[in-house]
Amino acid sequence: MRINVTIFYPDARPQTKNGADSLEDSLLEGLQITPQQIFQQAGIT
């Protein structure tokens, strides 16, 4: 199963992250999570 997450920003182009790509944002400093971890925690994969 291929896992992708697309992030939409109001002032920039959307970014698509795949499986083990790290999701980071300055708003939540120190948080590092992957799309795969999100779907695993939700019980979807």
PDB file of N, CA and C in Angstrom:
ATOM      1  N   MET A   1       0.841  -1.174   0.000  1.00  0.00           N
ATOM      2  CA  MET A   1       0.000   0.000   0.000  1.00  0.00           C
ATOM      3  C   MET A   1       0.889   1.241   0.000  1.00  0.00           C
ATOM      4  N   ARG A   2       0.619   2.157  -0.881  1.00  0.00           N
ATOM      5  CA  ARG A   2       1.372   3.408  -0.955  1.00  0.00           C
ATOM      6  C   ARG A   2       0.660   4.461  -0.106  1.00  0.00           C
ATOM      7  N   ILE A   3       1.415   5.104   0.771  1.00  0.00           N
ATOM      8  CA  ILE A   3       0.856   6.094   1.679  1.00  0.00           C
ATOM      9  C   ILE A   3       1.403   7.470   1.327  1.00  0.00           C
ATOM     10  N   ASN A   4       0.505   8.411   1.078  1.00  0.00           N
ATOM     11  CA  ASN A   4       0.867   9.785   0.768  1.00  0.00           C
ATOM     12  C   ASN A   4       0.039  10.741   1.611  1.00  0.00           C
ATOM     13  N   VAL A   5       0.644  11.868   1.962  1.00  0.00           N
ATOM     14  CA  VAL A   5      -0.050  12.948   2.644  1.00  0.00           C
ATOM     15  C   VAL A   5       0.280  14.223   1.879  1.00  0.00           C
ATOM     16  N   THR A   6      -0.742  14.990   1.515  1.00  0.00           N
ATOM     17  CA  THR A   6      -0.517  16.270   0.851  1.00  0.00           C
ATOM     18  C   THR A   6      -0.822  17.386   1.840  1.00  0.00           C
ATOM     19  N   ILE A   7       0.115  18.313   1.946  1.00  0.00           N
ATOM     20  CA  ILE A   7       0.002  19.428   2.874  1.00  0.00           C
ATOM     21  C   ILE A   7      -0.273  20.687   2.057  1.00  0.00           C
ATOM     22  N   PHE A   8      -1.347  21.380   2.399  1.00  0.00           N
ATOM     23  CA  PHE A   8      -1.733  22.597   1.701  1.00  0.00           C
ATOM     24  C   PHE A   8      -1.424  23.805   2.584  1.00  0.00           C
ATOM     25  N   TYR A   9      -0.722  24.775   2.005  1.00  0.00           N
ATOM     26  CA  TYR A   9      -0.362  26.003   2.698  1.00  0.00           C
ATOM     27  C   TYR A   9      -1.090  27.169   2.038  1.00  0.00           C
ATOM     28  N   PRO A  10      -1.485  28.190   2.792  1.00  0.00           N
ATOM     29  CA  PRO A  10      -2.200  29.320   2.191  1.00  0.00           C
ATOM     30  C   PRO A  10      -1.331  30.172   1.259  1.00  0.00           C
ATOM     31  N   ASP A  11      -0.022  30.181   1.498  1.00  0.00           N
ATOM     32  CA  ASP A  11       0.844  31.061   0.719  1.00  0.00           C
ATOM     33  C   ASP A  11       1.965  30.331  -0.037  1.00  0.00           C
ATOM     34  N   ALA A  12       1.801  29.032  -0.249  1.00  0.00           N
ATOM     35  CA  ALA A  12       2.828  28.248  -0.952  1.00  0.00           C
ATOM     36  C   ALA A  12       2.173  27.083  -1.688  1.00  0.00           C
ATOM     37  N   ARG A  13       2.944  26.457  -2.540  1.00  0.00           N
ATOM     38  CA  ARG A  13       2.441  25.300  -3.279  1.00  0.00           C
ATOM     39  C   ARG A  13       2.262  24.114  -2.340  1.00  0.00           C
ATOM     40  N   PRO A  14       1.308  23.224  -2.625  1.00  0.00           N
ATOM     41  CA  PRO A  14       1.137  22.016  -1.803  1.00  0.00           C
ATOM     42  C   PRO A  14       2.383  21.137  -1.860  1.00  0.00           C
ATOM     43  N   GLN A  15       2.624  20.411  -0.785  1.00  0.00           N
ATOM     44  CA  GLN A  15       3.736  19.463  -0.725  1.00  0.00           C
ATOM     45  C   GLN A  15       3.164  18.082  -0.449  1.00  0.00           C
ATOM     46  N   THR A  16       3.630  17.085  -1.190  1.00  0.00           N
ATOM     47  CA  THR A  16       3.212  15.707  -0.956  1.00  0.00           C
ATOM     48  C   THR A  16       4.366  14.948  -0.334  1.00  0.00           C
ATOM     49  N   LYS A  17       4.078  14.286   0.777  1.00  0.00           N
ATOM     50  CA  LYS A  17       5.068  13.473   1.485  1.00  0.00           C
ATOM     51  C   LYS A  17       4.655  12.014   1.353  1.00  0.00           C
ATOM     52  N   ASN A  18       5.634  11.133   1.219  1.00  0.00           N
ATOM     53  CA  ASN A  18       5.390   9.709   1.030  1.00  0.00           C
ATOM     54  C   ASN A  18       5.894   8.903   2.214  1.00  0.00           C
ATOM     55  N   GLY A  19       5.247   7.780   2.483  1.00  0.00           N
ATOM     56  CA  GLY A  19       5.646   6.789   3.468  1.00  0.00           C
ATOM     57  C   GLY A  19       6.539   7.212   4.602  1.00  0.00           C
ATOM     58  N   ALA A  20       7.858   7.138   4.405  1.00  0.00           N
ATOM     59  CA  ALA A  20       8.819   7.395   5.470  1.00  0.00           C
ATOM     60  C   ALA A  20       9.379   8.820   5.447  1.00  0.00           C
ATOM     61  N   ASP A  21       8.849   9.698   4.577  1.00  0.00           N
ATOM     62  CA  ASP A  21       9.281  11.098   4.571  1.00  0.00           C
ATOM     63  C   ASP A  21       8.896  11.751   5.897  1.00  0.00           C
ATOM     64  N   SER A  22       9.778  12.546   6.429  1.00  0.00           N
ATOM     65  CA  SER A  22       9.517  13.213   7.699  1.00  0.00           C
ATOM     66  C   SER A  22       8.619  14.437   7.494  1.00  0.00           C
ATOM     67  N   LEU A  23       7.619  14.569   8.341  1.00  0.00           N
ATOM     68  CA  LEU A  23       6.745  15.745   8.337  1.00  0.00           C
ATOM     69  C   LEU A  23       7.194  16.638   9.484  1.00  0.00           C
ATOM     70  N   GLU A  24       7.592  17.846   9.144  1.00  0.00           N
ATOM     71  CA  GLU A  24       8.043  18.808  10.153  1.00  0.00           C
ATOM     72  C   GLU A  24       7.454  20.167   9.833  1.00  0.00           C
ATOM     73  N   ASP A  25       7.236  20.971  10.867  1.00  0.00           N
ATOM     74  CA  ASP A  25       6.717  22.315  10.665  1.00  0.00           C
ATOM     75  C   ASP A  25       7.199  23.187  11.812  1.00  0.00           C
ATOM     76  N   SER A  26       7.519  24.429  11.525  1.00  0.00           N
ATOM     77  CA  SER A  26       8.010  25.329  12.565  1.00  0.00           C
ATOM     78  C   SER A  26       6.947  25.629  13.621  1.00  0.00           C
ATOM     79  N   LEU A  27       5.680  25.459  13.279  1.00  0.00           N
ATOM     80  CA  LEU A  27       4.603  25.686  14.239  1.00  0.00           C
ATOM     81  C   LEU A  27       4.657  24.676  15.383  1.00  0.00           C
ATOM     82  N   LEU A  28       5.018  23.433  15.072  1.00  0.00           N
ATOM     83  CA  LEU A  28       5.123  22.375  16.082  1.00  0.00           C
ATOM     84  C   LEU A  28       6.579  21.943  16.183  1.00  0.00           C
ATOM     85  N   GLU A  29       7.409  22.834  16.666  1.00  0.00           N
ATOM     86  CA  GLU A  29       8.846  22.601  16.733  1.00  0.00           C
ATOM     87  C   GLU A  29       9.178  21.310  17.487  1.00  0.00           C
ATOM     88  N   GLY A  30      10.028  20.503  16.903  1.00  0.00           N
ATOM     89  CA  GLY A  30      10.447  19.252  17.531  1.00  0.00           C
ATOM     90  C   GLY A  30       9.601  18.049  17.143  1.00  0.00           C
ATOM     91  N   LEU A  31       8.441  18.269  16.565  1.00  0.00           N
ATOM     92  CA  LEU A  31       7.595  17.153  16.145  1.00  0.00           C
ATOM     93  C   LEU A  31       8.121  16.600  14.838  1.00  0.00           C
ATOM     94  N   GLN A  32       8.375  15.305  14.802  1.00  0.00           N
ATOM     95  CA  GLN A  32       8.764  14.619  13.581  1.00  0.00           C
ATOM     96  C   GLN A  32       7.934  13.348  13.502  1.00  0.00           C
ATOM     97  N   ILE A  33       7.168  13.241  12.435  1.00  0.00           N
ATOM     98  CA  ILE A  33       6.309  12.089  12.238  1.00  0.00           C
ATOM     99  C   ILE A  33       6.255  11.805  10.743  1.00  0.00           C
ATOM    100  N   THR A  34       5.968  10.581  10.388  1.00  0.00           N
ATOM    101  CA  THR A  34       5.886  10.209   8.975  1.00  0.00           C
ATOM    102  C   THR A  34       4.435   9.903   8.614  1.00  0.00           C
ATOM    103  N   PRO A  35       4.101  10.002   7.328  1.00  0.00           N
ATOM    104  CA  PRO A  35       2.749   9.596   6.911  1.00  0.00           C
ATOM    105  C   PRO A  35       2.429   8.162   7.342  1.00  0.00           C
ATOM    106  N   GLN A  36       3.408   7.289   7.242  1.00  0.00           N
ATOM    107  CA  GLN A  36       3.201   5.890   7.634  1.00  0.00           C
ATOM    108  C   GLN A  36       2.805   5.783   9.105  1.00  0.00           C
ATOM    109  N   GLN A  37       3.453   6.544   9.984  1.00  0.00           N
ATOM    110  CA  GLN A  37       3.121   6.523  11.409  1.00  0.00           C
ATOM    111  C   GLN A  37       1.704   7.040  11.657  1.00  0.00           C
ATOM    112  N   ILE A  38       1.294   8.057  10.928  1.00  0.00           N
ATOM    113  CA  ILE A  38      -0.056   8.608  11.091  1.00  0.00           C
ATOM    114  C   ILE A  38      -1.096   7.543  10.784  1.00  0.00           C
ATOM    115  N   PHE A  39      -0.943   6.870   9.652  1.00  0.00           N
ATOM    116  CA  PHE A  39      -1.930   5.861   9.245  1.00  0.00           C
ATOM    117  C   PHE A  39      -1.881   4.633  10.154  1.00  0.00           C
ATOM    118  N   GLN A  40      -0.697   4.253  10.646  1.00  0.00           N
ATOM    119  CA  GLN A  40      -0.600   3.132  11.577  1.00  0.00           C
ATOM    120  C   GLN A  40      -1.328   3.437  12.877  1.00  0.00           C
ATOM    121  N   GLN A  41      -1.134   4.649  13.413  1.00  0.00           N
ATOM    122  CA  GLN A  41      -1.794   5.038  14.652  1.00  0.00           C
ATOM    123  C   GLN A  41      -3.320   5.076  14.489  1.00  0.00           C
ATOM    124  N   ALA A  42      -3.774   5.412  13.290  1.00  0.00           N
ATOM    125  CA  ALA A  42      -5.214   5.461  13.022  1.00  0.00           C
ATOM    126  C   ALA A  42      -5.786   4.073  12.747  1.00  0.00           C
ATOM    127  N   GLY A  43      -4.912   3.054  12.651  1.00  0.00           N
ATOM    128  CA  GLY A  43      -5.374   1.697  12.392  1.00  0.00           C
ATOM    129  C   GLY A  43      -5.798   1.462  10.953  1.00  0.00           C
ATOM    130  N   ILE A  44      -5.287   2.290  10.040  1.00  0.00           N
ATOM    131  CA  ILE A  44      -5.685   2.195   8.642  1.00  0.00           C
ATOM    132  C   ILE A  44      -4.771   1.258   7.856  1.00  0.00           C
ATOM    133  N   THR A  45      -3.509   1.095   8.268  1.00  0.00           N
ATOM    134  CA  THR A  45      -2.609   0.228   7.519  1.00  0.00           C
ATOM    135  C   THR A  45      -2.442  -1.101   8.192  1.00  0.00           C
TER     136      THR A  45
END
